[in-house]
Amino acid sequence: MAKRSYTVNAKVWLYPGEHASWHFVSVDKKQSTDIKERYGKYAKGFRSIPVRVTIGKTTWDTSLFPDSKSGMYILPLKASVRRAEGVLEGETIDVVIQVR
């Protein structure tokens, strides 16, 4: 399976709810469709796709998760990464996603 890199420019959003603390970015529809077509058959639990992500100087391994409402993948942003890179809710950031 050939690995592909995706560059995403997206707004950071907070998961809705009373005790929400999970921050995400959404992968645009075109890229989400491409990821699903290329790698969907290799999905893990919850139909997640294992990825390596870079924001600024910080790189970590995580997974993309499909959002059934929008049809796009969403990427959770770890608190330690947000702190290291100074990322806040509502900001638009550049994210490089490499499928593992």
C-alpha atoms as a PDB file:
ATOM      1  CA  MET A   1       0.000   0.000   0.000  1.00  0.00           C
ATOM      2  CA  ALA A   2       1.513   3.318  -1.086  1.00  0.00           C
ATOM      3  CA  LYS A   3       1.502   5.924   1.690  1.00  0.00           C
ATOM      4  CA  ARG A   4       0.291   9.394   0.893  1.00  0.00           C
ATOM      5  CA  SER A   5       0.645  12.706   2.645  1.00  0.00           C
ATOM      6  CA  TYR A   6      -2.186  15.236   2.942  1.00  0.00           C
ATOM      7  CA  THR A   7      -1.862  18.894   3.892  1.00  0.00           C
ATOM      8  CA  VAL A   8      -4.955  20.236   5.615  1.00  0.00           C
ATOM      9  CA  ASN A   9      -5.723  23.866   6.388  1.00  0.00           C
ATOM     10  CA  ALA A  10      -8.613  23.814   8.832  1.00  0.00           C
ATOM     11  CA  LYS A  11     -10.232  25.536  11.780  1.00  0.00           C
ATOM     12  CA  VAL A  12      -9.820  23.989  15.240  1.00  0.00           C
ATOM     13  CA  TRP A  13     -13.178  23.196  16.815  1.00  0.00           C
ATOM     14  CA  LEU A  14     -14.270  21.971  20.212  1.00  0.00           C
ATOM     15  CA  TYR A  15     -16.474  18.899  20.469  1.00  0.00           C
ATOM     16  CA  PRO A  16     -19.929  20.139  21.520  1.00  0.00           C
ATOM     17  CA  GLY A  17     -21.246  19.190  24.922  1.00  0.00           C
ATOM     18  CA  GLU A  18     -21.437  20.289  28.517  1.00  0.00           C
ATOM     19  CA  HIS A  19     -18.026  18.884  29.475  1.00  0.00           C
ATOM     20  CA  ALA A  20     -16.372  19.206  26.086  1.00  0.00           C
ATOM     21  CA  SER A  21     -12.610  19.328  26.049  1.00  0.00           C
ATOM     22  CA  TRP A  22     -11.759  17.433  22.854  1.00  0.00           C
ATOM     23  CA  HIS A  23     -10.371  19.615  20.076  1.00  0.00           C
ATOM     24  CA  PHE A  24     -10.512  18.541  16.429  1.00  0.00           C
ATOM     25  CA  VAL A  25      -9.901  19.632  12.878  1.00  0.00           C
ATOM     26  CA  SER A  26     -11.981  18.308   9.985  1.00  0.00           C
ATOM     27  CA  VAL A  27     -10.339  16.971   6.852  1.00  0.00           C
ATOM     28  CA  ASP A  28     -12.071  18.529   3.835  1.00  0.00           C
ATOM     29  CA  LYS A  29     -14.553  16.467   1.828  1.00  0.00           C
ATOM     30  CA  LYS A  30     -12.293  15.893  -1.194  1.00  0.00           C
ATOM     31  CA  GLN A  31      -9.357  14.682   0.889  1.00  0.00           C
ATOM     32  CA  SER A  32     -11.651  12.612   3.140  1.00  0.00           C
ATOM     33  CA  THR A  33     -13.108  10.873   0.094  1.00  0.00           C
ATOM     34  CA  ASP A  34      -9.614  10.146  -1.229  1.00  0.00           C
ATOM     35  CA  ILE A  35      -8.487   8.753   2.144  1.00  0.00           C
ATOM     36  CA  LYS A  36     -11.575   6.545   2.423  1.00  0.00           C
ATOM     37  CA  GLU A  37     -11.172   5.192  -1.120  1.00  0.00           C
ATOM     38  CA  ARG A  38      -7.436   4.507  -0.732  1.00  0.00           C
ATOM     39  CA  TYR A  39      -7.238   3.330   2.881  1.00  0.00           C
ATOM     40  CA  GLY A  40     -10.769   2.561   4.115  1.00  0.00           C
ATOM     41  CA  LYS A  41     -10.266  -1.179   3.671  1.00  0.00           C
ATOM     42  CA  TYR A  42      -7.361  -0.979   6.165  1.00  0.00           C
ATOM     43  CA  ALA A  43      -9.421   0.812   8.823  1.00  0.00           C
ATOM     44  CA  LYS A  44      -9.089  -0.245  12.467  1.00  0.00           C
ATOM     45  CA  GLY A  45     -11.597   0.012  15.330  1.00  0.00           C
ATOM     46  CA  PHE A  46     -14.369   2.584  14.873  1.00  0.00           C
ATOM     47  CA  ARG A  47     -13.341   2.671  11.145  1.00  0.00           C
ATOM     48  CA  SER A  48     -10.297   4.754  12.138  1.00  0.00           C
ATOM     49  CA  ILE A  49      -7.306   5.283   9.868  1.00  0.00           C
ATOM     50  CA  PRO A  50      -3.855   5.255  11.570  1.00  0.00           C
ATOM     51  CA  VAL A  51      -1.857   8.394  10.728  1.00  0.00           C
ATOM     52  CA  ARG A  52       1.261  10.355  11.649  1.00  0.00           C
ATOM     53  CA  VAL A  53       0.484  14.052  12.071  1.00  0.00           C
ATOM     54  CA  THR A  54       2.685  17.133  12.103  1.00  0.00           C
ATOM     55  CA  ILE A  55       1.687  20.579  13.321  1.00  0.00           C
ATOM     56  CA  GLY A  56       4.551  23.039  13.391  1.00  0.00           C
ATOM     57  CA  LYS A  57       7.512  21.226  14.964  1.00  0.00           C
ATOM     58  CA  THR A  58       5.389  18.580  16.701  1.00  0.00           C
ATOM     59  CA  THR A  59       4.785  15.125  15.203  1.00  0.00           C
ATOM     60  CA  TRP A  60       2.748  12.297  16.762  1.00  0.00           C
ATOM     61  CA  ASP A  61       0.876   9.115  15.856  1.00  0.00           C
ATOM     62  CA  THR A  62      -2.899   9.062  16.117  1.00  0.00           C
ATOM     63  CA  SER A  63      -5.932   8.149  13.999  1.00  0.00           C
ATOM     64  CA  LEU A  64      -8.481   9.850  11.786  1.00  0.00           C
ATOM     65  CA  PHE A  65     -12.096   9.058  12.629  1.00  0.00           C
ATOM     66  CA  PRO A  66     -15.028   9.186  10.210  1.00  0.00           C
ATOM     67  CA  ASP A  67     -17.784  11.669  11.042  1.00  0.00           C
ATOM     68  CA  SER A  68     -21.056  10.051   9.988  1.00  0.00           C
ATOM     69  CA  LYS A  69     -22.902  13.382   9.791  1.00  0.00           C
ATOM     70  CA  SER A  70     -20.513  15.242   7.478  1.00  0.00           C
ATOM     71  CA  GLY A  71     -18.898  12.300   5.683  1.00  0.00           C
ATOM     72  CA  MET A  72     -15.490  13.788   6.474  1.00  0.00           C
ATOM     73  CA  TYR A  73     -12.705  12.507   8.674  1.00  0.00           C
ATOM     74  CA  ILE A  74     -11.941  14.306  11.907  1.00  0.00           C
ATOM     75  CA  LEU A  75      -8.563  14.522  13.606  1.00  0.00           C
ATOM     76  CA  PRO A  76      -8.315  14.786  17.409  1.00  0.00           C
ATOM     77  CA  LEU A  77      -5.680  17.231  18.654  1.00  0.00           C
ATOM     78  CA  LYS A  78      -3.875  16.160  21.821  1.00  0.00           C
ATOM     79  CA  ALA A  79      -3.706  18.753  24.601  1.00  0.00           C
ATOM     80  CA  SER A  80       0.091  18.405  24.767  1.00  0.00           C
ATOM     81  CA  VAL A  81       0.353  19.197  21.047  1.00  0.00           C
ATOM     82  CA  ARG A  82      -1.993  22.181  21.336  1.00  0.00           C
ATOM     83  CA  ARG A  83       0.096  23.546  24.228  1.00  0.00           C
ATOM     84  CA  ALA A  84       3.438  22.936  22.463  1.00  0.00           C
ATOM     85  CA  GLU A  85       2.249  24.665  19.286  1.00  0.00           C
ATOM     86  CA  GLY A  86       0.063  27.343  20.901  1.00  0.00           C
ATOM     87  CA  VAL A  87      -3.067  26.105  19.103  1.00  0.00           C
ATOM     88  CA  LEU A  88      -6.406  27.477  20.296  1.00  0.00           C
ATOM     89  CA  GLU A  89     -10.022  26.765  19.446  1.00  0.00           C
ATOM     90  CA  GLY A  90     -11.184  28.789  16.449  1.00  0.00           C
ATOM     91  CA  GLU A  91      -7.731  29.159  14.903  1.00  0.00           C
ATOM     92  CA  THR A  92      -7.062  27.973  11.379  1.00  0.00           C
ATOM     93  CA  ILE A  93      -3.976  25.773  11.296  1.00  0.00           C
ATOM     94  CA  ASP A  94      -1.931  23.773   8.800  1.00  0.00           C
ATOM     95  CA  VAL A  95      -1.719  20.051   9.501  1.00  0.00           C
ATOM     96  CA  VAL A  96       0.306  17.454   7.589  1.00  0.00           C
ATOM     97  CA  ILE A  97      -1.226  13.980   7.736  1.00  0.00           C
ATOM     98  CA  GLN A  98       0.715  10.884   6.639  1.00  0.00           C
ATOM     99  CA  VAL A  99      -1.268   7.651   6.489  1.00  0.00           C
ATOM    100  CA  ARG A 100       0.665   4.917   8.353  1.00  0.00           C
END
